[in-house]
């Protein structure tokens, strides 16, 4: 997902990109351990990344009204809670909440992306490109609630403006279309999807390490 591109400065992702990075003898992080540090480092970095990205976007696009509302919102939150909690307690609570939010978001969003085939654009058709880059997680009441319907990540990619609660309605149509044209439609359990993140990170680090030391 280009919105959450963490290669190569935080992680090395995919076989092709990892081998390419290794052959160039480039190392920005201890990739060998990236499957270990993903759980705690990625959420902390993402918190700072999102905060700075929002501010940067509003300034570059000259969205001055939105920038004013962002500033006023943060002032309002501080005015409401600092007198009650104290500044130190409020800051601890605020950033803890942000880290927990980021942890949830990264696991939910990356379970559909990191385990997939990460490569350069192959100029495939729109549907084939999206199906190669993402996968779904089994539907259930819990999965729908926990992921905010992002367990239907394939449909999210194909219909980015569709309300997420409607993805389940079009999923059977997408699946039948893929079967008709021989396009793989990947779907897995929630726990398998989470585990695949770490497995994929470990495999990518091994591809990088082999290329870095031996090619």
N, C-alpha and C. Protein backbone atom coordinates (compact mmCIF):
# COMPACT_ATOMS: atom_id res chain seq x y z
N UNK A 1 0.85 -1.17 0.00
CA UNK A 1 0.00 0.00 0.00
C UNK A 1 0.90 1.24 0.00
N UNK A 2 0.83 2.09 -1.03
CA UNK A 2 1.72 3.26 -1.10
C UNK A 2 1.52 4.24 0.05
N UNK A 3 0.35 4.23 0.68
CA UNK A 3 0.11 5.12 1.82
C UNK A 3 0.91 4.70 3.04
N UNK A 4 1.29 3.42 3.08
CA UNK A 4 2.00 2.89 4.25
C UNK A 4 3.30 2.20 3.82
N UNK A 5 3.99 2.80 2.89
CA UNK A 5 5.21 2.19 2.36
C UNK A 5 6.34 2.29 3.38
N UNK A 6 6.75 1.14 3.93
CA UNK A 6 7.78 1.12 4.96
C UNK A 6 9.10 0.57 4.44
N UNK A 7 9.17 0.30 3.15
CA UNK A 7 10.39 -0.22 2.53
C UNK A 7 11.17 0.94 1.91
N UNK A 8 12.48 1.04 2.12
CA UNK A 8 13.37 0.14 2.85
C UNK A 8 13.84 0.70 4.19
N UNK A 9 13.32 1.86 4.59
CA UNK A 9 13.91 2.56 5.73
C UNK A 9 13.52 1.95 7.08
N UNK A 10 12.45 1.17 7.12
CA UNK A 10 12.05 0.52 8.36
C UNK A 10 12.05 -0.99 8.23
N UNK A 11 11.59 -1.49 7.08
CA UNK A 11 11.57 -2.92 6.81
C UNK A 11 12.00 -3.15 5.36
N UNK A 12 12.41 -4.37 5.09
CA UNK A 12 12.60 -4.78 3.70
C UNK A 12 11.46 -5.73 3.37
N UNK A 13 10.78 -5.48 2.26
CA UNK A 13 9.53 -6.18 1.97
C UNK A 13 9.57 -6.87 0.62
N UNK A 14 9.09 -8.11 0.57
CA UNK A 14 8.99 -8.85 -0.67
C UNK A 14 10.31 -9.42 -1.13
N UNK A 15 10.26 -10.52 -1.84
CA UNK A 15 11.49 -11.19 -2.29
C UNK A 15 12.27 -10.32 -3.27
N UNK A 16 11.61 -9.81 -4.29
CA UNK A 16 12.30 -9.09 -5.36
C UNK A 16 12.95 -7.81 -4.82
N UNK A 17 12.19 -7.03 -4.05
CA UNK A 17 12.72 -5.77 -3.52
C UNK A 17 13.82 -6.04 -2.49
N UNK A 18 13.68 -7.10 -1.72
CA UNK A 18 14.68 -7.43 -0.70
C UNK A 18 15.99 -7.87 -1.34
N UNK A 19 15.89 -8.71 -2.37
CA UNK A 19 17.10 -9.15 -3.07
C UNK A 19 17.78 -7.96 -3.74
N UNK A 20 17.00 -7.10 -4.34
CA UNK A 20 17.56 -5.90 -4.98
C UNK A 20 18.27 -5.02 -3.97
N UNK A 21 17.67 -4.85 -2.82
CA UNK A 21 18.27 -4.03 -1.77
C UNK A 21 19.56 -4.67 -1.26
N UNK A 22 19.54 -5.98 -1.10
CA UNK A 22 20.73 -6.68 -0.63
C UNK A 22 21.88 -6.60 -1.61
N UNK A 23 21.58 -6.74 -2.90
CA UNK A 23 22.63 -6.67 -3.92
C UNK A 23 23.27 -5.28 -3.96
N UNK A 24 22.49 -4.26 -3.62
CA UNK A 24 23.02 -2.90 -3.58
C UNK A 24 23.81 -2.62 -2.29
N UNK A 25 23.86 -3.63 -1.42
CA UNK A 25 24.57 -3.53 -0.13
C UNK A 25 24.03 -2.39 0.74
N UNK A 26 22.72 -2.24 0.72
CA UNK A 26 22.09 -1.19 1.51
C UNK A 26 21.42 -1.80 2.73
N UNK A 27 21.63 -1.14 3.87
CA UNK A 27 21.08 -1.62 5.14
C UNK A 27 20.73 -0.42 6.00
N UNK A 28 19.43 -0.20 6.19
CA UNK A 28 18.97 0.93 7.00
C UNK A 28 18.54 0.51 8.41
N UNK A 29 18.23 -0.77 8.55
CA UNK A 29 17.79 -1.31 9.84
C UNK A 29 18.35 -2.73 9.98
N UNK A 30 18.33 -3.28 11.20
CA UNK A 30 18.75 -4.69 11.36
C UNK A 30 17.63 -5.60 10.85
N UNK A 31 17.51 -5.72 9.54
CA UNK A 31 16.40 -6.45 8.93
C UNK A 31 16.27 -7.89 9.42
N UNK A 32 17.37 -8.46 9.85
CA UNK A 32 17.36 -9.84 10.32
C UNK A 32 16.34 -10.02 11.45
N UNK A 33 16.09 -8.96 12.19
CA UNK A 33 15.19 -9.03 13.35
C UNK A 33 13.87 -8.29 13.11
N UNK A 34 13.57 -7.96 11.85
CA UNK A 34 12.40 -7.12 11.61
C UNK A 34 11.09 -7.79 12.01
N UNK A 35 11.03 -9.12 11.96
CA UNK A 35 9.81 -9.80 12.40
C UNK A 35 9.65 -9.71 13.91
N UNK A 36 10.73 -9.38 14.61
CA UNK A 36 10.66 -9.20 16.07
C UNK A 36 10.30 -7.76 16.44
N UNK A 37 10.87 -6.79 15.72
CA UNK A 37 10.62 -5.40 16.12
C UNK A 37 9.39 -4.78 15.46
N UNK A 38 8.74 -5.49 14.54
CA UNK A 38 7.54 -4.96 13.90
C UNK A 38 6.47 -4.59 14.92
N UNK A 39 6.26 -5.45 15.91
CA UNK A 39 5.14 -5.28 16.84
C UNK A 39 5.24 -4.02 17.67
N UNK A 40 6.45 -3.58 18.02
CA UNK A 40 6.56 -2.39 18.88
C UNK A 40 7.10 -1.17 18.15
N UNK A 41 7.96 -1.36 17.16
CA UNK A 41 8.56 -0.21 16.49
C UNK A 41 7.62 0.42 15.47
N UNK A 42 6.95 -0.41 14.68
CA UNK A 42 6.06 0.11 13.64
C UNK A 42 4.95 1.01 14.20
N UNK A 43 4.25 0.63 15.28
CA UNK A 43 3.22 1.53 15.81
C UNK A 43 3.77 2.86 16.30
N UNK A 44 4.93 2.86 16.94
CA UNK A 44 5.49 4.12 17.44
C UNK A 44 5.88 5.05 16.29
N UNK A 45 6.49 4.47 15.26
CA UNK A 45 6.87 5.27 14.09
C UNK A 45 5.63 5.78 13.37
N UNK A 46 4.61 4.94 13.29
CA UNK A 46 3.39 5.30 12.57
C UNK A 46 2.67 6.46 13.24
N UNK A 47 2.70 6.52 14.57
CA UNK A 47 2.07 7.64 15.28
C UNK A 47 2.68 8.96 14.82
N UNK A 48 4.00 9.04 14.84
CA UNK A 48 4.69 10.27 14.42
C UNK A 48 4.47 10.53 12.94
N UNK A 49 4.53 9.46 12.14
CA UNK A 49 4.35 9.59 10.68
C UNK A 49 3.00 10.19 10.34
N UNK A 50 1.94 9.68 10.96
CA UNK A 50 0.60 10.16 10.65
C UNK A 50 0.39 11.60 11.10
N UNK A 51 0.90 11.95 12.28
CA UNK A 51 0.74 13.30 12.77
C UNK A 51 1.43 14.31 11.86
N UNK A 52 2.66 13.99 11.46
CA UNK A 52 3.42 14.91 10.59
C UNK A 52 2.85 14.93 9.18
N UNK A 53 2.36 13.78 8.70
CA UNK A 53 1.80 13.72 7.35
C UNK A 53 0.55 14.57 7.22
N UNK A 54 -0.30 14.54 8.24
CA UNK A 54 -1.53 15.34 8.21
C UNK A 54 -1.20 16.83 8.14
N UNK A 55 -0.27 17.27 9.00
CA UNK A 55 0.12 18.67 9.00
C UNK A 55 0.79 19.05 7.68
N UNK A 56 1.68 18.19 7.20
CA UNK A 56 2.39 18.46 5.94
C UNK A 56 1.41 18.56 4.77
N UNK A 57 0.43 17.67 4.75
CA UNK A 57 -0.55 17.66 3.66
C UNK A 57 -1.36 18.94 3.64
N UNK A 58 -1.84 19.37 4.81
CA UNK A 58 -2.67 20.57 4.85
C UNK A 58 -1.88 21.81 4.45
N UNK A 59 -0.59 21.85 4.77
CA UNK A 59 0.23 23.01 4.41
C UNK A 59 0.56 22.99 2.92
N UNK A 60 0.99 21.84 2.41
CA UNK A 60 1.35 21.75 0.99
C UNK A 60 0.15 22.02 0.09
N UNK A 61 -1.02 21.54 0.49
CA UNK A 61 -2.24 21.76 -0.31
C UNK A 61 -2.93 23.07 0.04
N UNK A 62 -2.33 23.81 0.96
CA UNK A 62 -2.88 25.11 1.37
C UNK A 62 -4.32 24.99 1.88
N UNK A 63 -4.54 23.94 2.67
CA UNK A 63 -5.84 23.73 3.29
C UNK A 63 -5.87 24.47 4.63
N UNK A 64 -5.87 25.78 4.55
CA UNK A 64 -5.70 26.59 5.75
C UNK A 64 -6.86 26.44 6.72
N UNK A 65 -8.08 26.31 6.21
CA UNK A 65 -9.24 26.14 7.09
C UNK A 65 -9.12 24.82 7.87
N UNK A 66 -8.72 23.75 7.18
CA UNK A 66 -8.56 22.46 7.84
C UNK A 66 -7.44 22.53 8.88
N UNK A 67 -6.37 23.23 8.55
CA UNK A 67 -5.26 23.38 9.49
C UNK A 67 -5.71 24.10 10.75
N UNK A 68 -6.52 25.12 10.58
CA UNK A 68 -7.04 25.87 11.73
C UNK A 68 -7.90 24.96 12.61
N UNK A 69 -8.76 24.15 11.98
CA UNK A 69 -9.61 23.23 12.74
C UNK A 69 -8.78 22.18 13.49
N UNK A 70 -7.70 21.70 12.87
CA UNK A 70 -6.82 20.74 13.53
C UNK A 70 -6.19 21.36 14.77
N UNK A 71 -5.69 22.58 14.61
CA UNK A 71 -5.06 23.27 15.74
C UNK A 71 -6.08 23.54 16.85
N UNK A 72 -7.27 24.03 16.47
CA UNK A 72 -8.30 24.32 17.45
C UNK A 72 -8.76 23.06 18.18
N UNK A 73 -8.84 21.95 17.44
CA UNK A 73 -9.24 20.68 18.07
C UNK A 73 -8.24 20.28 19.15
N UNK A 74 -6.95 20.34 18.83
CA UNK A 74 -5.94 19.94 19.80
C UNK A 74 -5.90 20.88 21.00
N UNK A 75 -6.12 22.17 20.77
CA UNK A 75 -6.19 23.13 21.88
C UNK A 75 -7.38 22.80 22.77
N UNK A 76 -8.51 22.50 22.13
CA UNK A 76 -9.74 22.18 22.87
C UNK A 76 -9.55 20.94 23.73
N UNK A 77 -8.92 19.90 23.19
CA UNK A 77 -8.69 18.68 23.95
C UNK A 77 -7.80 18.97 25.16
N UNK A 78 -6.76 19.76 24.96
CA UNK A 78 -5.87 20.11 26.07
C UNK A 78 -6.60 20.91 27.15
N UNK A 79 -7.44 21.87 26.71
CA UNK A 79 -8.18 22.70 27.66
C UNK A 79 -9.15 21.85 28.48
N UNK A 80 -9.71 20.82 27.84
CA UNK A 80 -10.69 19.98 28.53
C UNK A 80 -10.04 19.04 29.55
N UNK A 81 -8.89 18.46 29.19
CA UNK A 81 -8.35 17.37 30.00
C UNK A 81 -7.16 17.74 30.89
N UNK A 82 -6.36 18.70 30.47
CA UNK A 82 -5.18 19.04 31.27
C UNK A 82 -5.56 19.51 32.68
N UNK A 83 -6.60 20.38 32.83
CA UNK A 83 -6.98 20.79 34.20
C UNK A 83 -7.43 19.62 35.08
N UNK A 84 -7.98 18.57 34.45
CA UNK A 84 -8.48 17.43 35.21
C UNK A 84 -7.37 16.42 35.53
N UNK A 85 -6.53 16.15 34.51
CA UNK A 85 -5.55 15.08 34.63
C UNK A 85 -4.15 15.58 34.95
N UNK A 86 -3.89 16.86 34.66
CA UNK A 86 -2.52 17.35 34.74
C UNK A 86 -1.83 17.11 33.41
N UNK A 87 -0.86 17.97 33.08
CA UNK A 87 -0.24 17.90 31.76
C UNK A 87 0.49 16.58 31.52
N UNK A 88 1.27 16.13 32.49
CA UNK A 88 2.05 14.90 32.32
C UNK A 88 1.16 13.68 32.14
N UNK A 89 0.13 13.56 32.98
CA UNK A 89 -0.79 12.42 32.87
C UNK A 89 -1.56 12.45 31.56
N UNK A 90 -1.96 13.65 31.16
CA UNK A 90 -2.70 13.78 29.90
C UNK A 90 -1.83 13.37 28.72
N UNK A 91 -0.57 13.81 28.69
CA UNK A 91 0.32 13.46 27.59
C UNK A 91 0.56 11.95 27.55
N UNK A 92 0.73 11.34 28.73
CA UNK A 92 0.92 9.89 28.78
C UNK A 92 -0.31 9.16 28.26
N UNK A 93 -1.48 9.62 28.69
CA UNK A 93 -2.74 9.01 28.24
C UNK A 93 -2.93 9.20 26.73
N UNK A 94 -2.67 10.41 26.24
CA UNK A 94 -2.88 10.73 24.83
C UNK A 94 -2.00 9.88 23.92
N UNK A 95 -0.70 9.80 24.22
CA UNK A 95 0.21 9.07 23.36
C UNK A 95 0.06 7.56 23.52
N UNK A 96 -0.36 7.10 24.71
CA UNK A 96 -0.66 5.68 24.88
C UNK A 96 -1.84 5.29 24.00
N UNK A 97 -2.88 6.14 24.00
CA UNK A 97 -4.04 5.87 23.16
C UNK A 97 -3.66 5.85 21.69
N UNK A 98 -2.80 6.79 21.29
CA UNK A 98 -2.35 6.83 19.90
C UNK A 98 -1.56 5.58 19.53
N UNK A 99 -0.72 5.11 20.42
CA UNK A 99 0.08 3.90 20.16
C UNK A 99 -0.80 2.67 20.05
N UNK A 100 -1.81 2.56 20.93
CA UNK A 100 -2.73 1.44 20.86
C UNK A 100 -3.53 1.47 19.56
N UNK A 101 -3.97 2.67 19.19
CA UNK A 101 -4.70 2.84 17.94
C UNK A 101 -3.84 2.43 16.75
N UNK A 102 -2.59 2.85 16.74
CA UNK A 102 -1.68 2.54 15.65
C UNK A 102 -1.37 1.05 15.59
N UNK A 103 -1.24 0.43 16.77
CA UNK A 103 -0.99 -1.01 16.81
C UNK A 103 -2.13 -1.77 16.14
N UNK A 104 -3.35 -1.42 16.51
CA UNK A 104 -4.53 -2.05 15.90
C UNK A 104 -4.54 -1.82 14.40
N UNK A 105 -4.35 -0.58 13.99
CA UNK A 105 -4.45 -0.24 12.56
C UNK A 105 -3.40 -0.95 11.73
N UNK A 106 -2.17 -1.00 12.22
CA UNK A 106 -1.10 -1.62 11.45
C UNK A 106 -1.30 -3.12 11.28
N UNK A 107 -1.71 -3.80 12.35
CA UNK A 107 -1.95 -5.24 12.23
C UNK A 107 -3.12 -5.51 11.29
N UNK A 108 -4.18 -4.71 11.41
CA UNK A 108 -5.37 -4.93 10.57
C UNK A 108 -5.09 -4.59 9.11
N UNK A 109 -4.37 -3.52 8.86
CA UNK A 109 -4.13 -3.10 7.47
C UNK A 109 -3.03 -3.91 6.81
N UNK A 110 -1.99 -4.27 7.55
CA UNK A 110 -0.85 -4.94 6.92
C UNK A 110 -1.03 -6.45 6.78
N UNK A 111 -2.02 -7.03 7.47
CA UNK A 111 -2.25 -8.47 7.29
C UNK A 111 -2.73 -8.76 5.88
N UNK A 112 -3.26 -7.75 5.20
CA UNK A 112 -3.75 -7.92 3.82
C UNK A 112 -2.71 -7.55 2.77
N UNK A 113 -1.57 -6.97 3.20
CA UNK A 113 -0.62 -6.45 2.23
C UNK A 113 0.77 -7.08 2.31
N UNK A 114 1.39 -7.05 3.48
CA UNK A 114 2.77 -7.54 3.60
C UNK A 114 2.93 -8.99 3.14
N UNK A 115 1.98 -9.90 3.43
CA UNK A 115 2.19 -11.28 2.99
C UNK A 115 2.01 -11.50 1.49
N UNK A 116 1.54 -10.49 0.76
CA UNK A 116 1.27 -10.67 -0.66
C UNK A 116 2.55 -10.45 -1.48
N UNK A 117 2.43 -10.66 -2.78
CA UNK A 117 3.57 -10.51 -3.69
C UNK A 117 3.88 -9.03 -3.86
N UNK A 118 4.96 -8.55 -3.26
CA UNK A 118 5.34 -7.14 -3.33
C UNK A 118 6.38 -6.98 -4.43
N UNK A 119 6.03 -6.22 -5.45
CA UNK A 119 6.90 -6.09 -6.62
C UNK A 119 6.61 -4.75 -7.29
N UNK A 120 7.38 -4.43 -8.31
CA UNK A 120 7.12 -3.24 -9.10
C UNK A 120 5.87 -3.46 -9.95
N UNK A 121 5.31 -2.36 -10.42
CA UNK A 121 4.11 -2.42 -11.25
C UNK A 121 4.40 -3.21 -12.53
N UNK A 122 3.56 -4.20 -12.80
CA UNK A 122 3.74 -5.06 -13.98
C UNK A 122 2.81 -4.67 -15.13
N UNK A 123 2.13 -3.54 -14.98
CA UNK A 123 1.20 -3.06 -16.02
C UNK A 123 0.10 -4.08 -16.32
N UNK A 124 -0.36 -4.77 -15.28
CA UNK A 124 -1.50 -5.66 -15.43
C UNK A 124 -2.78 -4.84 -15.43
N UNK A 125 -3.89 -5.49 -15.76
CA UNK A 125 -5.18 -4.79 -15.69
C UNK A 125 -5.50 -4.46 -14.24
N UNK A 126 -6.45 -3.56 -14.06
CA UNK A 126 -6.77 -3.04 -12.73
C UNK A 126 -7.14 -4.15 -11.74
N UNK A 127 -8.04 -5.05 -12.14
CA UNK A 127 -8.51 -6.09 -11.23
C UNK A 127 -7.37 -7.03 -10.85
N UNK A 128 -6.61 -7.49 -11.83
CA UNK A 128 -5.51 -8.43 -11.55
C UNK A 128 -4.47 -7.80 -10.64
N UNK A 129 -4.19 -6.52 -10.83
CA UNK A 129 -3.21 -5.82 -10.00
C UNK A 129 -3.67 -5.78 -8.55
N UNK A 130 -4.94 -5.46 -8.33
CA UNK A 130 -5.45 -5.38 -6.96
C UNK A 130 -5.51 -6.75 -6.29
N UNK A 131 -5.88 -7.77 -7.04
CA UNK A 131 -5.97 -9.11 -6.47
C UNK A 131 -4.60 -9.68 -6.15
N UNK A 132 -3.57 -9.24 -6.88
CA UNK A 132 -2.22 -9.72 -6.60
C UNK A 132 -1.62 -9.03 -5.38
N UNK A 133 -2.14 -7.85 -5.05
CA UNK A 133 -1.53 -7.03 -4.01
C UNK A 133 -2.21 -7.15 -2.65
N UNK A 134 -3.35 -7.83 -2.59
CA UNK A 134 -4.06 -7.88 -1.32
C UNK A 134 -4.87 -9.16 -1.20
N UNK A 135 -5.40 -9.39 -0.02
CA UNK A 135 -6.20 -10.59 0.24
C UNK A 135 -7.28 -10.26 1.26
N UNK A 136 -8.21 -11.18 1.42
CA UNK A 136 -9.29 -11.01 2.39
C UNK A 136 -9.08 -11.88 3.62
N UNK A 137 -9.83 -11.56 4.66
CA UNK A 137 -9.88 -12.38 5.87
C UNK A 137 -11.32 -12.84 6.03
N UNK A 138 -11.48 -14.07 6.50
CA UNK A 138 -12.81 -14.68 6.60
C UNK A 138 -13.82 -13.76 7.27
N UNK A 139 -15.04 -13.80 6.76
CA UNK A 139 -16.11 -13.00 7.34
C UNK A 139 -16.69 -13.66 8.57
N UNK A 140 -16.91 -12.86 9.60
CA UNK A 140 -17.63 -13.27 10.80
C UNK A 140 -18.06 -11.99 11.50
N UNK A 141 -18.97 -12.09 12.44
CA UNK A 141 -19.39 -10.89 13.16
C UNK A 141 -18.21 -10.23 13.86
N UNK A 142 -17.35 -11.06 14.48
CA UNK A 142 -16.19 -10.50 15.18
C UNK A 142 -15.21 -9.88 14.20
N UNK A 143 -14.88 -10.59 13.11
CA UNK A 143 -13.90 -10.06 12.15
C UNK A 143 -14.39 -8.78 11.51
N UNK A 144 -15.68 -8.73 11.17
CA UNK A 144 -16.24 -7.51 10.57
C UNK A 144 -16.11 -6.33 11.53
N UNK A 145 -16.43 -6.59 12.81
CA UNK A 145 -16.36 -5.51 13.82
C UNK A 145 -14.92 -5.12 14.11
N UNK A 146 -14.07 -6.13 14.36
CA UNK A 146 -12.70 -5.85 14.78
C UNK A 146 -11.90 -5.13 13.71
N UNK A 147 -12.12 -5.47 12.46
CA UNK A 147 -11.35 -4.87 11.36
C UNK A 147 -12.05 -3.67 10.73
N UNK A 148 -13.24 -3.36 11.19
CA UNK A 148 -13.98 -2.27 10.55
C UNK A 148 -14.31 -2.58 9.10
N UNK A 149 -14.58 -3.87 8.82
CA UNK A 149 -14.89 -4.38 7.48
C UNK A 149 -13.69 -4.34 6.54
N UNK A 150 -12.50 -4.08 7.07
CA UNK A 150 -11.30 -4.14 6.22
C UNK A 150 -10.83 -5.58 6.02
N UNK A 151 -11.57 -6.54 6.58
CA UNK A 151 -11.31 -7.93 6.22
C UNK A 151 -11.69 -8.19 4.76
N UNK A 152 -12.50 -7.29 4.18
CA UNK A 152 -12.81 -7.32 2.76
C UNK A 152 -11.87 -6.36 2.03
N UNK A 153 -10.57 -6.60 2.15
CA UNK A 153 -9.59 -5.67 1.60
C UNK A 153 -9.58 -5.70 0.07
N UNK A 154 -9.88 -6.83 -0.53
CA UNK A 154 -9.96 -6.91 -1.99
C UNK A 154 -11.02 -5.96 -2.51
N UNK A 155 -12.20 -6.04 -1.91
CA UNK A 155 -13.30 -5.16 -2.34
C UNK A 155 -12.98 -3.70 -2.02
N UNK A 156 -12.26 -3.47 -0.93
CA UNK A 156 -11.84 -2.11 -0.57
C UNK A 156 -10.94 -1.52 -1.65
N UNK A 157 -10.05 -2.35 -2.21
CA UNK A 157 -9.16 -1.88 -3.27
C UNK A 157 -9.92 -1.66 -4.58
N UNK A 158 -10.85 -2.54 -4.87
CA UNK A 158 -11.59 -2.43 -6.13
C UNK A 158 -12.60 -1.30 -6.11
N UNK A 159 -13.20 -1.06 -4.94
CA UNK A 159 -14.24 -0.03 -4.81
C UNK A 159 -13.90 0.88 -3.63
N UNK A 160 -12.87 1.72 -3.77
CA UNK A 160 -12.37 2.50 -2.62
C UNK A 160 -13.38 3.50 -2.05
N UNK A 161 -14.37 3.90 -2.83
CA UNK A 161 -15.35 4.88 -2.33
C UNK A 161 -16.62 4.22 -1.79
N UNK A 162 -16.70 2.91 -1.88
CA UNK A 162 -17.89 2.20 -1.40
C UNK A 162 -17.89 2.17 0.13
N UNK A 163 -19.03 2.43 0.78
CA UNK A 163 -19.12 2.28 2.24
C UNK A 163 -18.70 0.87 2.65
N UNK A 164 -17.84 0.77 3.66
CA UNK A 164 -17.25 -0.51 4.00
C UNK A 164 -18.27 -1.55 4.45
N UNK A 165 -19.38 -1.10 5.02
CA UNK A 165 -20.38 -2.07 5.48
C UNK A 165 -21.11 -2.74 4.32
N UNK A 166 -20.83 -2.31 3.08
CA UNK A 166 -21.45 -2.94 1.92
C UNK A 166 -20.52 -3.90 1.19
N UNK A 167 -19.30 -4.03 1.66
CA UNK A 167 -18.34 -4.89 0.96
C UNK A 167 -18.82 -6.34 0.88
N UNK A 168 -19.45 -6.82 1.95
CA UNK A 168 -19.89 -8.22 1.97
C UNK A 168 -20.92 -8.51 0.89
N UNK A 169 -21.63 -7.47 0.44
CA UNK A 169 -22.65 -7.66 -0.59
C UNK A 169 -22.03 -7.91 -1.96
N UNK A 170 -20.92 -7.24 -2.24
CA UNK A 170 -20.30 -7.39 -3.57
C UNK A 170 -19.24 -8.48 -3.59
N UNK A 171 -18.81 -8.95 -2.41
CA UNK A 171 -17.74 -9.96 -2.34
C UNK A 171 -18.08 -11.22 -3.16
N UNK A 172 -19.29 -11.78 -3.07
CA UNK A 172 -19.59 -12.97 -3.88
C UNK A 172 -19.50 -12.69 -5.39
N UNK A 173 -19.87 -11.50 -5.80
CA UNK A 173 -19.79 -11.14 -7.22
C UNK A 173 -18.34 -11.05 -7.68
N UNK A 174 -17.50 -10.44 -6.83
CA UNK A 174 -16.08 -10.33 -7.15
C UNK A 174 -15.45 -11.72 -7.21
N UNK A 175 -15.79 -12.55 -6.25
CA UNK A 175 -15.22 -13.90 -6.20
C UNK A 175 -15.61 -14.71 -7.43
N UNK A 176 -16.87 -14.61 -7.87
CA UNK A 176 -17.31 -15.35 -9.05
C UNK A 176 -16.65 -14.81 -10.31
N UNK A 177 -16.42 -13.49 -10.36
CA UNK A 177 -15.73 -12.90 -11.50
C UNK A 177 -14.30 -13.40 -11.58
N UNK A 178 -13.64 -13.49 -10.43
CA UNK A 178 -12.26 -13.98 -10.40
C UNK A 178 -12.20 -15.44 -10.83
N UNK A 179 -13.15 -16.24 -10.37
CA UNK A 179 -13.18 -17.65 -10.75
C UNK A 179 -13.41 -17.80 -12.24
N UNK A 180 -14.24 -16.96 -12.80
CA UNK A 180 -14.54 -17.02 -14.24
C UNK A 180 -13.32 -16.74 -15.09
N UNK A 181 -12.48 -15.81 -14.65
CA UNK A 181 -11.33 -15.40 -15.44
C UNK A 181 -10.00 -15.96 -14.92
N UNK A 182 -10.06 -16.85 -13.94
CA UNK A 182 -8.85 -17.50 -13.45
C UNK A 182 -7.93 -16.59 -12.66
N UNK A 183 -8.50 -15.60 -11.97
CA UNK A 183 -7.71 -14.69 -11.14
C UNK A 183 -7.79 -15.18 -9.69
N UNK A 184 -6.65 -15.46 -9.03
CA UNK A 184 -6.68 -15.96 -7.64
C UNK A 184 -7.35 -14.97 -6.70
N UNK A 185 -8.25 -15.50 -5.86
CA UNK A 185 -8.96 -14.71 -4.85
C UNK A 185 -8.59 -15.30 -3.49
N UNK A 186 -7.67 -14.63 -2.79
CA UNK A 186 -7.12 -15.18 -1.56
C UNK A 186 -7.96 -14.75 -0.34
N UNK A 187 -8.24 -15.73 0.52
CA UNK A 187 -8.97 -15.46 1.76
C UNK A 187 -8.43 -16.40 2.83
N UNK A 188 -8.25 -15.90 4.03
CA UNK A 188 -7.66 -16.71 5.10
C UNK A 188 -8.29 -16.32 6.44
N UNK A 189 -7.95 -17.08 7.48
CA UNK A 189 -8.45 -16.77 8.82
C UNK A 189 -7.71 -15.57 9.40
N UNK A 190 -8.29 -14.97 10.43
CA UNK A 190 -7.70 -13.79 11.05
C UNK A 190 -6.34 -14.10 11.67
N UNK A 191 -6.26 -15.19 12.43
CA UNK A 191 -5.00 -15.54 13.09
C UNK A 191 -3.93 -15.91 12.07
N UNK A 192 -4.32 -16.59 11.01
CA UNK A 192 -3.37 -16.92 9.95
C UNK A 192 -2.84 -15.65 9.29
N UNK A 193 -3.73 -14.69 9.08
CA UNK A 193 -3.33 -13.42 8.46
C UNK A 193 -2.32 -12.68 9.34
N UNK A 194 -2.56 -12.67 10.66
CA UNK A 194 -1.63 -12.02 11.57
C UNK A 194 -0.27 -12.73 11.56
N UNK A 195 -0.31 -14.06 11.62
CA UNK A 195 0.94 -14.82 11.62
C UNK A 195 1.71 -14.64 10.32
N UNK A 196 0.99 -14.50 9.22
CA UNK A 196 1.64 -14.34 7.91
C UNK A 196 2.44 -13.05 7.82
N UNK A 197 2.05 -12.03 8.57
CA UNK A 197 2.84 -10.79 8.59
C UNK A 197 4.26 -11.09 9.06
N UNK A 198 4.36 -11.77 10.19
CA UNK A 198 5.67 -12.07 10.77
C UNK A 198 6.45 -13.06 9.92
N UNK A 199 5.76 -14.06 9.38
CA UNK A 199 6.43 -15.03 8.51
C UNK A 199 7.00 -14.34 7.27
N UNK A 200 6.21 -13.44 6.69
CA UNK A 200 6.65 -12.74 5.48
C UNK A 200 7.83 -11.83 5.77
N UNK A 201 7.79 -11.14 6.90
CA UNK A 201 8.91 -10.28 7.27
C UNK A 201 10.18 -11.09 7.47
N UNK A 202 10.04 -12.25 8.09
CA UNK A 202 11.21 -13.12 8.30
C UNK A 202 11.76 -13.62 6.97
N UNK A 203 10.88 -14.04 6.07
CA UNK A 203 11.32 -14.53 4.76
C UNK A 203 12.00 -13.42 3.95
N UNK A 204 11.43 -12.22 4.00
CA UNK A 204 12.02 -11.09 3.27
C UNK A 204 13.40 -10.76 3.81
N UNK A 205 13.55 -10.83 5.13
CA UNK A 205 14.86 -10.54 5.72
C UNK A 205 15.89 -11.59 5.30
N UNK A 206 15.46 -12.83 5.15
CA UNK A 206 16.37 -13.89 4.71
C UNK A 206 16.80 -13.69 3.26
N UNK A 207 15.87 -13.26 2.41
CA UNK A 207 16.21 -12.96 1.02
C UNK A 207 17.21 -11.80 0.97
N UNK A 208 16.97 -10.78 1.78
CA UNK A 208 17.90 -9.64 1.82
C UNK A 208 19.28 -10.07 2.31
N UNK A 209 19.29 -10.86 3.38
CA UNK A 209 20.56 -11.27 3.98
C UNK A 209 21.39 -12.11 3.01
N UNK A 210 20.75 -13.03 2.31
CA UNK A 210 21.46 -13.86 1.34
C UNK A 210 22.07 -13.02 0.23
N UNK A 211 21.29 -12.06 -0.26
CA UNK A 211 21.79 -11.19 -1.33
C UNK A 211 22.87 -10.26 -0.82
N UNK A 212 22.73 -9.78 0.40
CA UNK A 212 23.68 -8.82 0.98
C UNK A 212 25.05 -9.47 1.20
N UNK A 213 25.05 -10.70 1.65
CA UNK A 213 26.31 -11.34 2.04
C UNK A 213 26.93 -12.22 0.95
N UNK A 214 26.11 -12.66 0.00
CA UNK A 214 26.63 -13.66 -0.94
C UNK A 214 26.62 -13.20 -2.40
N UNK A 215 25.80 -12.23 -2.78
CA UNK A 215 25.75 -11.81 -4.18
C UNK A 215 26.75 -10.71 -4.48
